[in-house]
Amino acid sequence: METVQAHLNSGKCLEALDAVDDAMYVIGGKWKLRIIIALADGKKRFNELQRVLKGISARVLSSELKDLELNGFVKRLVDPSATTVSVEYERTEYADTLHHVIRSLQEWGVKHKKKITQR
C-alpha cells in the first residue's frame, strides 16, 4: 500500500488536497461524525440524539441532520400512524463506508491523548 508521503511526493498533492477538502466538506465540523457514531447502535429520536450529544443545540442538530440526510448518511423515518407524528433517525448503509475513517480517528485519538497526558 502506498504511503501518504509517497503519494504526496508523486506529484498528486493537489489531488489529495481536493479529495480531503471534499471529505471534510461532507463530514467535517464538530458534530457530523459524532451524530453518525451516536446512531451506530440503532434508531434514535431527535431528543435522544440531543441528550447523547451533550452540548449540541436543537438548531445545530437539526441543521446537521439535514446535511447528513442530504449526503446519504442518515435516514429520517416518519411514523404518521402514531397519535403524534413520530420521527426517528437512523444510519444508512452508506454511513457504514466511514467505518475505517471513524476507527482510525478513534485509535489516533486514544494515542494522542496518551501522548499529551504523558508530558
PDB file of N, CA and C in Angstrom:
ATOM      1  N   MET A   1       0.835  -1.178   0.000  1.00  0.00           N
ATOM      2  CA  MET A   1       0.000   0.000   0.000  1.00  0.00           C
ATOM      3  C   MET A   1       0.883   1.245   0.000  1.00  0.00           C
ATOM      4  N   GLU A   2       0.552   2.184  -0.812  1.00  0.00           N
ATOM      5  CA  GLU A   2       1.322   3.418  -0.946  1.00  0.00           C
ATOM      6  C   GLU A   2       1.150   4.280   0.306  1.00  0.00           C
ATOM      7  N   THR A   3       2.271   4.790   0.807  1.00  0.00           N
ATOM      8  CA  THR A   3       2.194   5.648   1.986  1.00  0.00           C
ATOM      9  C   THR A   3       1.704   7.029   1.589  1.00  0.00           C
ATOM     10  N   VAL A   4       1.196   7.778   2.552  1.00  0.00           N
ATOM     11  CA  VAL A   4       0.726   9.129   2.282  1.00  0.00           C
ATOM     12  C   VAL A   4       1.871   9.977   1.755  1.00  0.00           C
ATOM     13  N   GLN A   5       3.038   9.860   2.375  1.00  0.00           N
ATOM     14  CA  GLN A   5       4.199  10.656   1.958  1.00  0.00           C
ATOM     15  C   GLN A   5       4.579  10.353   0.511  1.00  0.00           C
ATOM     16  N   ALA A   6       4.616   9.078   0.154  1.00  0.00           N
ATOM     17  CA  ALA A   6       4.954   8.708  -1.224  1.00  0.00           C
ATOM     18  C   ALA A   6       3.896   9.239  -2.183  1.00  0.00           C
ATOM     19  N   HIS A   7       2.649   9.173  -1.767  1.00  0.00           N
ATOM     20  CA  HIS A   7       1.552   9.670  -2.601  1.00  0.00           C
ATOM     21  C   HIS A   7       1.706  11.173  -2.846  1.00  0.00           C
ATOM     22  N   LEU A   8       2.006  11.910  -1.791  1.00  0.00           N
ATOM     23  CA  LEU A   8       2.151  13.355  -1.928  1.00  0.00           C
ATOM     24  C   LEU A   8       3.382  13.712  -2.735  1.00  0.00           C
ATOM     25  N   ASN A   9       4.453  12.944  -2.582  1.00  0.00           N
ATOM     26  CA  ASN A   9       5.687  13.212  -3.331  1.00  0.00           C
ATOM     27  C   ASN A   9       5.558  12.861  -4.800  1.00  0.00           C
ATOM     28  N   SER A  10       4.580  12.072  -5.167  1.00  0.00           N
ATOM     29  CA  SER A  10       4.463  11.640  -6.553  1.00  0.00           C
ATOM     30  C   SER A  10       3.802  12.691  -7.443  1.00  0.00           C
ATOM     31  N   GLY A  11       3.614  13.895  -6.911  1.00  0.00           N
ATOM     32  CA  GLY A  11       3.027  14.958  -7.722  1.00  0.00           C
ATOM     33  C   GLY A  11       1.519  14.994  -7.667  1.00  0.00           C
ATOM     34  N   LYS A  12       0.934  14.252  -6.765  1.00  0.00           N
ATOM     35  CA  LYS A  12      -0.514  14.209  -6.669  1.00  0.00           C
ATOM     36  C   LYS A  12      -1.024  14.985  -5.451  1.00  0.00           C
ATOM     37  N   CYS A  13      -0.223  15.906  -4.991  1.00  0.00           N
ATOM     38  CA  CYS A  13      -0.570  16.678  -3.795  1.00  0.00           C
ATOM     39  C   CYS A  13      -1.896  17.418  -3.973  1.00  0.00           C
ATOM     40  N   LEU A  14      -2.075  18.072  -5.121  1.00  0.00           N
ATOM     41  CA  LEU A  14      -3.312  18.824  -5.340  1.00  0.00           C
ATOM     42  C   LEU A  14      -4.525  17.909  -5.375  1.00  0.00           C
ATOM     43  N   GLU A  15      -4.363  16.727  -5.974  1.00  0.00           N
ATOM     44  CA  GLU A  15      -5.467  15.760  -5.982  1.00  0.00           C
ATOM     45  C   GLU A  15      -5.809  15.324  -4.565  1.00  0.00           C
ATOM     46  N   ALA A  16      -4.778  15.083  -3.762  1.00  0.00           N
ATOM     47  CA  ALA A  16      -5.004  14.683  -2.369  1.00  0.00           C
ATOM     48  C   ALA A  16      -5.697  15.797  -1.604  1.00  0.00           C
ATOM     49  N   LEU A  17      -5.262  17.026  -1.797  1.00  0.00           N
ATOM     50  CA  LEU A  17      -5.896  18.161  -1.119  1.00  0.00           C
ATOM     51  C   LEU A  17      -7.352  18.303  -1.522  1.00  0.00           C
ATOM     52  N   ASP A  18      -7.645  18.153  -2.807  1.00  0.00           N
ATOM     53  CA  ASP A  18      -9.027  18.246  -3.284  1.00  0.00           C
ATOM     54  C   ASP A  18      -9.895  17.152  -2.667  1.00  0.00           C
ATOM     55  N   ALA A  19      -9.372  15.938  -2.627  1.00  0.00           N
ATOM     56  CA  ALA A  19     -10.142  14.823  -2.070  1.00  0.00           C
ATOM     57  C   ALA A  19     -10.413  15.029  -0.581  1.00  0.00           C
ATOM     58  N   VAL A  20      -9.401  15.500   0.160  1.00  0.00           N
ATOM     59  CA  VAL A  20      -9.578  15.758   1.589  1.00  0.00           C
ATOM     60  C   VAL A  20     -10.553  16.920   1.789  1.00  0.00           C
ATOM     61  N   ASP A  21     -10.445  17.946   0.961  1.00  0.00           N
ATOM     62  CA  ASP A  21     -11.405  19.060   1.039  1.00  0.00           C
ATOM     63  C   ASP A  21     -12.835  18.570   0.846  1.00  0.00           C
ATOM     64  N   ASP A  22     -13.038  17.703  -0.151  1.00  0.00           N
ATOM     65  CA  ASP A  22     -14.374  17.154  -0.403  1.00  0.00           C
ATOM     66  C   ASP A  22     -14.888  16.372   0.802  1.00  0.00           C
ATOM     67  N   ALA A  23     -14.028  15.537   1.357  1.00  0.00           N
ATOM     68  CA  ALA A  23     -14.423  14.724   2.509  1.00  0.00           C
ATOM     69  C   ALA A  23     -14.733  15.603   3.712  1.00  0.00           C
ATOM     70  N   MET A  24     -13.880  16.586   3.972  1.00  0.00           N
ATOM     71  CA  MET A  24     -14.092  17.458   5.129  1.00  0.00           C
ATOM     72  C   MET A  24     -15.344  18.313   4.962  1.00  0.00           C
ATOM     73  N   TYR A  25     -15.665  18.680   3.743  1.00  0.00           N
ATOM     74  CA  TYR A  25     -16.886  19.445   3.492  1.00  0.00           C
ATOM     75  C   TYR A  25     -18.116  18.643   3.901  1.00  0.00           C
ATOM     76  N   VAL A  26     -18.087  17.345   3.621  1.00  0.00           N
ATOM     77  CA  VAL A  26     -19.244  16.487   3.877  1.00  0.00           C
ATOM     78  C   VAL A  26     -19.311  16.017   5.322  1.00  0.00           C
ATOM     79  N   ILE A  27     -18.174  15.653   5.926  1.00  0.00           N
ATOM     80  CA  ILE A  27     -18.209  15.077   7.282  1.00  0.00           C
ATOM     81  C   ILE A  27     -17.470  15.914   8.315  1.00  0.00           C
ATOM     82  N   GLY A  28     -16.976  17.073   7.907  1.00  0.00           N
ATOM     83  CA  GLY A  28     -16.206  17.908   8.819  1.00  0.00           C
ATOM     84  C   GLY A  28     -17.077  18.616   9.837  1.00  0.00           C
ATOM     85  N   GLY A  29     -16.414  19.324  10.709  1.00  0.00           N
ATOM     86  CA  GLY A  29     -17.116  20.050  11.755  1.00  0.00           C
ATOM     87  C   GLY A  29     -17.154  19.252  13.034  1.00  0.00           C
ATOM     88  N   LYS A  30     -17.715  19.867  14.040  1.00  0.00           N
ATOM     89  CA  LYS A  30     -17.709  19.285  15.376  1.00  0.00           C
ATOM     90  C   LYS A  30     -18.706  18.141  15.545  1.00  0.00           C
ATOM     91  N   TRP A  31     -19.798  18.138  14.789  1.00  0.00           N
ATOM     92  CA  TRP A  31     -20.908  17.255  15.136  1.00  0.00           C
ATOM     93  C   TRP A  31     -21.209  16.121  14.167  1.00  0.00           C
ATOM     94  N   LYS A  32     -20.880  16.211  12.906  1.00  0.00           N
ATOM     95  CA  LYS A  32     -21.363  15.224  11.927  1.00  0.00           C
ATOM     96  C   LYS A  32     -20.921  13.796  12.241  1.00  0.00           C
ATOM     97  N   LEU A  33     -19.634  13.589  12.465  1.00  0.00           N
ATOM     98  CA  LEU A  33     -19.180  12.230  12.777  1.00  0.00           C
ATOM     99  C   LEU A  33     -19.747  11.764  14.114  1.00  0.00           C
ATOM    100  N   ARG A  34     -19.890  12.685  15.051  1.00  0.00           N
ATOM    101  CA  ARG A  34     -20.473  12.318  16.348  1.00  0.00           C
ATOM    102  C   ARG A  34     -21.910  11.850  16.193  1.00  0.00           C
ATOM    103  N   ILE A  35     -22.670  12.491  15.334  1.00  0.00           N
ATOM    104  CA  ILE A  35     -24.054  12.076  15.083  1.00  0.00           C
ATOM    105  C   ILE A  35     -24.067  10.685  14.456  1.00  0.00           C
ATOM    106  N   ILE A  36     -23.207  10.462  13.475  1.00  0.00           N
ATOM    107  CA  ILE A  36     -23.134   9.149  12.824  1.00  0.00           C
ATOM    108  C   ILE A  36     -22.763   8.076  13.846  1.00  0.00           C
ATOM    109  N   ILE A  37     -21.817   8.366  14.729  1.00  0.00           N
ATOM    110  CA  ILE A  37     -21.421   7.404  15.765  1.00  0.00           C
ATOM    111  C   ILE A  37     -22.576   7.173  16.736  1.00  0.00           C
ATOM    112  N   ALA A  38     -23.278   8.238  17.110  1.00  0.00           N
ATOM    113  CA  ALA A  38     -24.393   8.113  18.053  1.00  0.00           C
ATOM    114  C   ALA A  38     -25.505   7.231  17.503  1.00  0.00           C
ATOM    115  N   LEU A  39     -25.616   7.144  16.198  1.00  0.00           N
ATOM    116  CA  LEU A  39     -26.646   6.311  15.578  1.00  0.00           C
ATOM    117  C   LEU A  39     -26.163   4.884  15.297  1.00  0.00           C
ATOM    118  N   ALA A  40     -24.952   4.555  15.723  1.00  0.00           N
ATOM    119  CA  ALA A  40     -24.375   3.241  15.431  1.00  0.00           C
ATOM    120  C   ALA A  40     -25.158   2.107  16.073  1.00  0.00           C
ATOM    121  N   ASP A  41     -25.768   2.359  17.218  1.00  0.00           N
ATOM    122  CA  ASP A  41     -26.486   1.275  17.896  1.00  0.00           C
ATOM    123  C   ASP A  41     -27.990   1.293  17.617  1.00  0.00           C
ATOM    124  N   GLY A  42     -28.395   1.998  16.591  1.00  0.00           N
ATOM    125  CA  GLY A  42     -29.792   1.943  16.176  1.00  0.00           C
ATOM    126  C   GLY A  42     -30.451   3.308  16.077  1.00  0.00           C
ATOM    127  N   LYS A  43     -31.728   3.265  15.725  1.00  0.00           N
ATOM    128  CA  LYS A  43     -32.518   4.473  15.519  1.00  0.00           C
ATOM    129  C   LYS A  43     -32.625   5.273  16.809  1.00  0.00           C
ATOM    130  N   LYS A  44     -32.714   6.587  16.625  1.00  0.00           N
ATOM    131  CA  LYS A  44     -32.915   7.476  17.764  1.00  0.00           C
ATOM    132  C   LYS A  44     -33.830   8.622  17.355  1.00  0.00           C
ATOM    133  N   ARG A  45     -34.621   9.076  18.314  1.00  0.00           N
ATOM    134  CA  ARG A  45     -35.436  10.257  18.101  1.00  0.00           C
ATOM    135  C   ARG A  45     -34.553  11.488  18.315  1.00  0.00           C
ATOM    136  N   PHE A  46     -35.046  12.624  17.872  1.00  0.00           N
ATOM    137  CA  PHE A  46     -34.292  13.873  17.942  1.00  0.00           C
ATOM    138  C   PHE A  46     -33.824  14.166  19.370  1.00  0.00           C
ATOM    139  N   ASN A  47     -34.735  14.086  20.331  1.00  0.00           N
ATOM    140  CA  ASN A  47     -34.372  14.398  21.723  1.00  0.00           C
ATOM    141  C   ASN A  47     -33.366  13.412  22.294  1.00  0.00           C
ATOM    142  N   GLU A  48     -33.442  12.145  21.870  1.00  0.00           N
ATOM    143  CA  GLU A  48     -32.448  11.159  22.308  1.00  0.00           C
ATOM    144  C   GLU A  48     -31.060  11.551  21.805  1.00  0.00           C
ATOM    145  N   LEU A  49     -30.997  11.944  20.542  1.00  0.00           N
ATOM    146  CA  LEU A  49     -29.718  12.371  19.966  1.00  0.00           C
ATOM    147  C   LEU A  49     -29.178  13.593  20.715  1.00  0.00           C
ATOM    148  N   GLN A  50     -30.062  14.524  21.017  1.00  0.00           N
ATOM    149  CA  GLN A  50     -29.606  15.731  21.707  1.00  0.00           C
ATOM    150  C   GLN A  50     -29.074  15.404  23.107  1.00  0.00           C
ATOM    151  N   ARG A  51     -29.666  14.428  23.771  1.00  0.00           N
ATOM    152  CA  ARG A  51     -29.161  14.024  25.093  1.00  0.00           C
ATOM    153  C   ARG A  51     -27.799  13.346  24.986  1.00  0.00           C
ATOM    154  N   VAL A  52     -27.640  12.485  23.985  1.00  0.00           N
ATOM    155  CA  VAL A  52     -26.373  11.766  23.802  1.00  0.00           C
ATOM    156  C   VAL A  52     -25.251  12.732  23.410  1.00  0.00           C
ATOM    157  N   LEU A  53     -25.568  13.685  22.578  1.00  0.00           N
ATOM    158  CA  LEU A  53     -24.580  14.649  22.064  1.00  0.00           C
ATOM    159  C   LEU A  53     -24.588  15.893  22.948  1.00  0.00           C
ATOM    160  N   LYS A  54     -24.061  15.740  24.119  1.00  0.00           N
ATOM    161  CA  LYS A  54     -24.066  16.832  25.100  1.00  0.00           C
ATOM    162  C   LYS A  54     -23.481  18.115  24.508  1.00  0.00           C
ATOM    163  N   GLY A  55     -24.231  19.201  24.666  1.00  0.00           N
ATOM    164  CA  GLY A  55     -23.743  20.496  24.216  1.00  0.00           C
ATOM    165  C   GLY A  55     -24.248  20.951  22.864  1.00  0.00           C
ATOM    166  N   ILE A  56     -24.921  20.093  22.116  1.00  0.00           N
ATOM    167  CA  ILE A  56     -25.420  20.499  20.800  1.00  0.00           C
ATOM    168  C   ILE A  56     -26.783  21.170  20.969  1.00  0.00           C
ATOM    169  N   SER A  57     -26.975  22.277  20.292  1.00  0.00           N
ATOM    170  CA  SER A  57     -28.269  22.965  20.352  1.00  0.00           C
ATOM    171  C   SER A  57     -29.237  22.286  19.389  1.00  0.00           C
ATOM    172  N   ALA A  58     -30.511  22.498  19.616  1.00  0.00           N
ATOM    173  CA  ALA A  58     -31.539  21.920  18.737  1.00  0.00           C
ATOM    174  C   ALA A  58     -31.381  22.443  17.310  1.00  0.00           C
ATOM    175  N   ARG A  59     -31.070  23.718  17.174  1.00  0.00           N
ATOM    176  CA  ARG A  59     -30.913  24.314  15.846  1.00  0.00           C
ATOM    177  C   ARG A  59     -29.755  23.676  15.091  1.00  0.00           C
ATOM    178  N   VAL A  60     -28.631  23.497  15.770  1.00  0.00           N
ATOM    179  CA  VAL A  60     -27.453  22.896  15.130  1.00  0.00           C
ATOM    180  C   VAL A  60     -27.722  21.434  14.798  1.00  0.00           C
ATOM    181  N   LEU A  61     -28.318  20.689  15.728  1.00  0.00           N
ATOM    182  CA  LEU A  61     -28.629  19.274  15.472  1.00  0.00           C
ATOM    183  C   LEU A  61     -29.546  19.145  14.268  1.00  0.00           C
ATOM    184  N   SER A  62     -30.560  19.970  14.197  1.00  0.00           N
ATOM    185  CA  SER A  62     -31.483  19.933  13.065  1.00  0.00           C
ATOM    186  C   SER A  62     -30.758  20.199  11.750  1.00  0.00           C
ATOM    187  N   SER A  63     -29.906  21.193  11.741  1.00  0.00           N
ATOM    188  CA  SER A  63     -29.147  21.537  10.535  1.00  0.00           C
ATOM    189  C   SER A  63     -28.201  20.410  10.131  1.00  0.00           C
ATOM    190  N   GLU A  64     -27.492  19.858  11.106  1.00  0.00           N
ATOM    191  CA  GLU A  64     -26.541  18.779  10.813  1.00  0.00           C
ATOM    192  C   GLU A  64     -27.269  17.529  10.310  1.00  0.00           C
ATOM    193  N   LEU A  65     -28.403  17.210  10.901  1.00  0.00           N
ATOM    194  CA  LEU A  65     -29.181  16.050  10.440  1.00  0.00           C
ATOM    195  C   LEU A  65     -29.643  16.251   9.003  1.00  0.00           C
ATOM    196  N   LYS A  66     -30.060  17.458   8.657  1.00  0.00           N
ATOM    197  CA  LYS A  66     -30.471  17.747   7.275  1.00  0.00           C
ATOM    198  C   LYS A  66     -29.301  17.554   6.313  1.00  0.00           C
ATOM    199  N   ASP A  67     -28.120  18.062   6.697  1.00  0.00           N
ATOM    200  CA  ASP A  67     -26.927  17.893   5.850  1.00  0.00           C
ATOM    201  C   ASP A  67     -26.573  16.417   5.692  1.00  0.00           C
ATOM    202  N   LEU A  68     -26.610  15.678   6.801  1.00  0.00           N
ATOM    203  CA  LEU A  68     -26.278  14.247   6.746  1.00  0.00           C
ATOM    204  C   LEU A  68     -27.286  13.472   5.909  1.00  0.00           C
ATOM    205  N   GLU A  69     -28.545  13.863   5.990  1.00  0.00           N
ATOM    206  CA  GLU A  69     -29.577  13.212   5.167  1.00  0.00           C
ATOM    207  C   GLU A  69     -29.360  13.539   3.691  1.00  0.00           C
ATOM    208  N   LEU A  70     -29.067  14.790   3.402  1.00  0.00           N
ATOM    209  CA  LEU A  70     -28.812  15.226   2.030  1.00  0.00           C
ATOM    210  C   LEU A  70     -27.652  14.458   1.400  1.00  0.00           C
ATOM    211  N   ASN A  71     -26.636  14.150   2.210  1.00  0.00           N
ATOM    212  CA  ASN A  71     -25.455  13.439   1.716  1.00  0.00           C
ATOM    213  C   ASN A  71     -25.559  11.921   1.846  1.00  0.00           C
ATOM    214  N   GLY A  72     -26.696  11.424   2.286  1.00  0.00           N
ATOM    215  CA  GLY A  72     -26.949   9.984   2.280  1.00  0.00           C
ATOM    216  C   GLY A  72     -26.439   9.210   3.476  1.00  0.00           C
ATOM    217  N   PHE A  73     -26.058   9.891   4.563  1.00  0.00           N
ATOM    218  CA  PHE A  73     -25.530   9.201   5.733  1.00  0.00           C
ATOM    219  C   PHE A  73     -26.608   8.859   6.765  1.00  0.00           C
ATOM    220  N   VAL A  74     -27.694   9.606   6.755  1.00  0.00           N
ATOM    221  CA  VAL A  74     -28.761   9.450   7.737  1.00  0.00           C
ATOM    222  C   VAL A  74     -30.095   9.398   7.014  1.00  0.00           C
ATOM    223  N   LYS A  75     -30.985   8.587   7.540  1.00  0.00           N
ATOM    224  CA  LYS A  75     -32.331   8.476   7.003  1.00  0.00           C
ATOM    225  C   LYS A  75     -33.310   8.981   8.058  1.00  0.00           C
ATOM    226  N   ARG A  76     -34.241   9.822   7.656  1.00  0.00           N
ATOM    227  CA  ARG A  76     -35.287  10.348   8.542  1.00  0.00           C
ATOM    228  C   ARG A  76     -36.518   9.488   8.344  1.00  0.00           C
ATOM    229  N   LEU A  77     -36.991   8.881   9.425  1.00  0.00           N
ATOM    230  CA  LEU A  77     -38.137   7.981   9.362  1.00  0.00           C
ATOM    231  C   LEU A  77     -39.322   8.610  10.090  1.00  0.00           C
ATOM    232  N   VAL A  78     -40.418   8.805   9.373  1.00  0.00           N
ATOM    233  CA  VAL A  78     -41.613   9.419   9.950  1.00  0.00           C
ATOM    234  C   VAL A  78     -42.687   8.357  10.083  1.00  0.00           C
ATOM    235  N   ASP A  79     -43.257   8.239  11.291  1.00  0.00           N
ATOM    236  CA  ASP A  79     -44.357   7.304  11.542  1.00  0.00           C
ATOM    237  C   ASP A  79     -45.628   8.113  11.776  1.00  0.00           C
ATOM    238  N   PRO A  80     -46.413   8.329  10.721  1.00  0.00           N
ATOM    239  CA  PRO A  80     -47.614   9.151  10.856  1.00  0.00           C
ATOM    240  C   PRO A  80     -48.763   8.414  11.569  1.00  0.00           C
ATOM    241  N   SER A  81     -48.610   7.120  11.785  1.00  0.00           N
ATOM    242  CA  SER A  81     -49.690   6.348  12.403  1.00  0.00           C
ATOM    243  C   SER A  81     -49.781   6.569  13.909  1.00  0.00           C
ATOM    244  N   ALA A  82     -48.729   7.100  14.523  1.00  0.00           N
ATOM    245  CA  ALA A  82     -48.759   7.387  15.958  1.00  0.00           C
ATOM    246  C   ALA A  82     -49.708   8.559  16.211  1.00  0.00           C
ATOM    247  N   THR A  83     -50.193   8.677  17.451  1.00  0.00           N
ATOM    248  CA  THR A  83     -51.117   9.769  17.770  1.00  0.00           C
ATOM    249  C   THR A  83     -50.480  11.133  17.516  1.00  0.00           C
ATOM    250  N   THR A  84     -49.189  11.252  17.817  1.00  0.00           N
ATOM    251  CA  THR A  84     -48.423  12.420  17.394  1.00  0.00           C
ATOM    252  C   THR A  84     -47.381  11.914  16.416  1.00  0.00           C
ATOM    253  N   VAL A  85     -47.049  12.715  15.452  1.00  0.00           N
ATOM    254  CA  VAL A  85     -46.081  12.283  14.442  1.00  0.00           C
ATOM    255  C   VAL A  85     -44.765  11.930  15.131  1.00  0.00           C
ATOM    256  N   SER A  86     -44.282  10.727  14.844  1.00  0.00           N
ATOM    257  CA  SER A  86     -43.046  10.233  15.436  1.00  0.00           C
ATOM    258  C   SER A  86     -41.952  10.226  14.376  1.00  0.00           C
ATOM    259  N   VAL A  87     -40.823  10.869  14.692  1.00  0.00           N
ATOM    260  CA  VAL A  87     -39.697  10.941  13.755  1.00  0.00           C
ATOM    261  C   VAL A  87     -38.484  10.309  14.418  1.00  0.00           C
ATOM    262  N   GLU A  88     -37.852   9.403  13.693  1.00  0.00           N
ATOM    263  CA  GLU A  88     -36.612   8.789  14.152  1.00  0.00           C
ATOM    264  C   GLU A  88     -35.564   8.960  13.058  1.00  0.00           C
ATOM    265  N   TYR A  89     -34.317   8.857  13.482  1.00  0.00           N
ATOM    266  CA  TYR A  89     -33.197   8.940  12.544  1.00  0.00           C
ATOM    267  C   TYR A  89     -32.388   7.668  12.649  1.00  0.00           C
ATOM    268  N   GLU A  90     -31.895   7.198  11.507  1.00  0.00           N
ATOM    269  CA  GLU A  90     -31.025   6.030  11.508  1.00  0.00           C
ATOM    270  C   GLU A  90     -29.920   6.213  10.485  1.00  0.00           C
ATOM    271  N   ARG A  91     -28.819   5.507  10.738  1.00  0.00           N
ATOM    272  CA  ARG A  91     -27.712   5.499   9.790  1.00  0.00           C
ATOM    273  C   ARG A  91     -28.108   4.718   8.554  1.00  0.00           C
ATOM    274  N   THR A  92     -27.524   5.092   7.441  1.00  0.00           N
ATOM    275  CA  THR A  92     -27.734   4.343   6.201  1.00  0.00           C
ATOM    276  C   THR A  92     -26.549   3.405   5.999  1.00  0.00           C
ATOM    277  N   GLU A  93     -26.670   2.532   5.033  1.00  0.00           N
ATOM    278  CA  GLU A  93     -25.539   1.660   4.683  1.00  0.00           C
ATOM    279  C   GLU A  93     -24.358   2.497   4.214  1.00  0.00           C
ATOM    280  N   TYR A  94     -24.657   3.610   3.572  1.00  0.00           N
ATOM    281  CA  TYR A  94     -23.578   4.489   3.100  1.00  0.00           C
ATOM    282  C   TYR A  94     -22.752   5.017   4.266  1.00  0.00           C
ATOM    283  N   ALA A  95     -23.386   5.281   5.397  1.00  0.00           N
ATOM    284  CA  ALA A  95     -22.650   5.749   6.583  1.00  0.00           C
ATOM    285  C   ALA A  95     -21.636   4.699   7.032  1.00  0.00           C
ATOM    286  N   ASP A  96     -21.940   3.431   6.786  1.00  0.00           N
ATOM    287  CA  ASP A  96     -21.011   2.362   7.157  1.00  0.00           C
ATOM    288  C   ASP A  96     -19.701   2.428   6.381  1.00  0.00           C
ATOM    289  N   THR A  97     -19.701   3.147   5.239  1.00  0.00           N
ATOM    290  CA  THR A  97     -18.456   3.279   4.476  1.00  0.00           C
ATOM    291  C   THR A  97     -17.438   4.133   5.229  1.00  0.00           C
ATOM    292  N   LEU A  98     -17.877   4.820   6.268  1.00  0.00           N
ATOM    293  CA  LEU A  98     -16.986   5.633   7.091  1.00  0.00           C
ATOM    294  C   LEU A  98     -16.377   4.846   8.248  1.00  0.00           C
ATOM    295  N   HIS A  99     -16.683   3.569   8.334  1.00  0.00           N
ATOM    296  CA  HIS A  99     -16.224   2.740   9.453  1.00  0.00           C
ATOM    297  C   HIS A  99     -14.716   2.851   9.670  1.00  0.00           C
ATOM    298  N   HIS A 100     -13.941   2.690   8.615  1.00  0.00           N
ATOM    299  CA  HIS A 100     -12.480   2.723   8.751  1.00  0.00           C
ATOM    300  C   HIS A 100     -11.977   4.120   9.125  1.00  0.00           C
ATOM    301  N   VAL A 101     -12.623   5.134   8.609  1.00  0.00           N
ATOM    302  CA  VAL A 101     -12.250   6.510   8.946  1.00  0.00           C
ATOM    303  C   VAL A 101     -12.491   6.754  10.434  1.00  0.00           C
ATOM    304  N   ILE A 102     -13.669   6.358  10.904  1.00  0.00           N
ATOM    305  CA  ILE A 102     -14.030   6.558  12.316  1.00  0.00           C
ATOM    306  C   ILE A 102     -13.112   5.741  13.213  1.00  0.00           C
ATOM    307  N   ARG A 103     -12.861   4.495  12.848  1.00  0.00           N
ATOM    308  CA  ARG A 103     -11.980   3.627  13.646  1.00  0.00           C
ATOM    309  C   ARG A 103     -10.568   4.219  13.713  1.00  0.00           C
ATOM    310  N   SER A 104     -10.062   4.693  12.581  1.00  0.00           N
ATOM    311  CA  SER A 104      -8.719   5.293  12.565  1.00  0.00           C
ATOM    312  C   SER A 104      -8.659   6.545  13.427  1.00  0.00           C
ATOM    313  N   LEU A 105      -9.677   7.396  13.341  1.00  0.00           N
ATOM    314  CA  LEU A 105      -9.713   8.601  14.175  1.00  0.00           C
ATOM    315  C   LEU A 105      -9.791   8.246  15.660  1.00  0.00           C
ATOM    316  N   GLN A 106     -10.563   7.219  15.965  1.00  0.00           N
ATOM    317  CA  GLN A 106     -10.685   6.775  17.358  1.00  0.00           C
ATOM    318  C   GLN A 106      -9.333   6.291  17.887  1.00  0.00           C
ATOM    319  N   GLU A 107      -8.671   5.429  17.123  1.00  0.00           N
ATOM    320  CA  GLU A 107      -7.371   4.902  17.544  1.00  0.00           C
ATOM    321  C   GLU A 107      -6.343   6.016  17.677  1.00  0.00           C
ATOM    322  N   TRP A 108      -6.321   6.934  16.716  1.00  0.00           N
ATOM    323  CA  TRP A 108      -5.387   8.042  16.784  1.00  0.00           C
ATOM    324  C   TRP A 108      -5.691   8.927  17.987  1.00  0.00           C
ATOM    325  N   GLY A 109      -6.971   9.176  18.252  1.00  0.00           N
ATOM    326  CA  GLY A 109      -7.368   9.999  19.387  1.00  0.00           C
ATOM    327  C   GLY A 109      -6.905   9.428  20.713  1.00  0.00           C
ATOM    328  N   VAL A 110      -7.004   8.112  20.870  1.00  0.00           N
ATOM    329  CA  VAL A 110      -6.535   7.450  22.096  1.00  0.00           C
ATOM    330  C   VAL A 110      -5.027   7.625  22.227  1.00  0.00           C
ATOM    331  N   LYS A 111      -4.288   7.390  21.140  1.00  0.00           N
ATOM    332  CA  LYS A 111      -2.827   7.535  21.172  1.00  0.00           C
ATOM    333  C   LYS A 111      -2.426   8.977  21.464  1.00  0.00           C
ATOM    334  N   HIS A 112      -3.102   9.908  20.847  1.00  0.00           N
ATOM    335  CA  HIS A 112      -2.773  11.318  21.037  1.00  0.00           C
ATOM    336  C   HIS A 112      -3.022  11.744  22.482  1.00  0.00           C
ATOM    337  N   LYS A 113      -4.130  11.311  23.033  1.00  0.00           N
ATOM    338  CA  LYS A 113      -4.439  11.668  24.421  1.00  0.00           C
ATOM    339  C   LYS A 113      -3.378  11.121  25.373  1.00  0.00           C
ATOM    340  N   LYS A 114      -2.944   9.875  25.132  1.00  0.00           N
ATOM    341  CA  LYS A 114      -1.880   9.292  25.953  1.00  0.00           C
ATOM    342  C   LYS A 114      -0.599  10.098  25.829  1.00  0.00           C
ATOM    343  N   LYS A 115      -0.246  10.463  24.608  1.00  0.00           N
ATOM    344  CA  LYS A 115       0.989  11.240  24.360  1.00  0.00           C
ATOM    345  C   LYS A 115       0.932  12.578  25.086  1.00  0.00           C
ATOM    346  N   ILE A 116      -0.171  13.262  24.980  1.00  0.00           N
ATOM    347  CA  ILE A 116      -0.310  14.588  25.583  1.00  0.00           C
ATOM    348  C   ILE A 116      -0.335  14.503  27.106  1.00  0.00           C
ATOM    349  N   THR A 117      -0.988  13.503  27.663  1.00  0.00           N
ATOM    350  CA  THR A 117      -1.086  13.396  29.124  1.00  0.00           C
ATOM    351  C   THR A 117       0.197  12.874  29.751  1.00  0.00           C
ATOM    352  N   GLN A 118       1.129  12.339  28.957  1.00  0.00           N
ATOM    353  CA  GLN A 118       2.397  11.837  29.488  1.00  0.00           C
ATOM    354  C   GLN A 118       3.459  12.930  29.582  1.00  0.00           C
ATOM    355  N   ARG A 119       3.147  14.109  29.199  1.00  0.00           N
ATOM    356  CA  ARG A 119       4.124  15.213  29.230  1.00  0.00           C
ATOM    357  C   ARG A 119       4.445  15.612  30.632  1.00  0.00           C
TER     358      ARG A 119
END
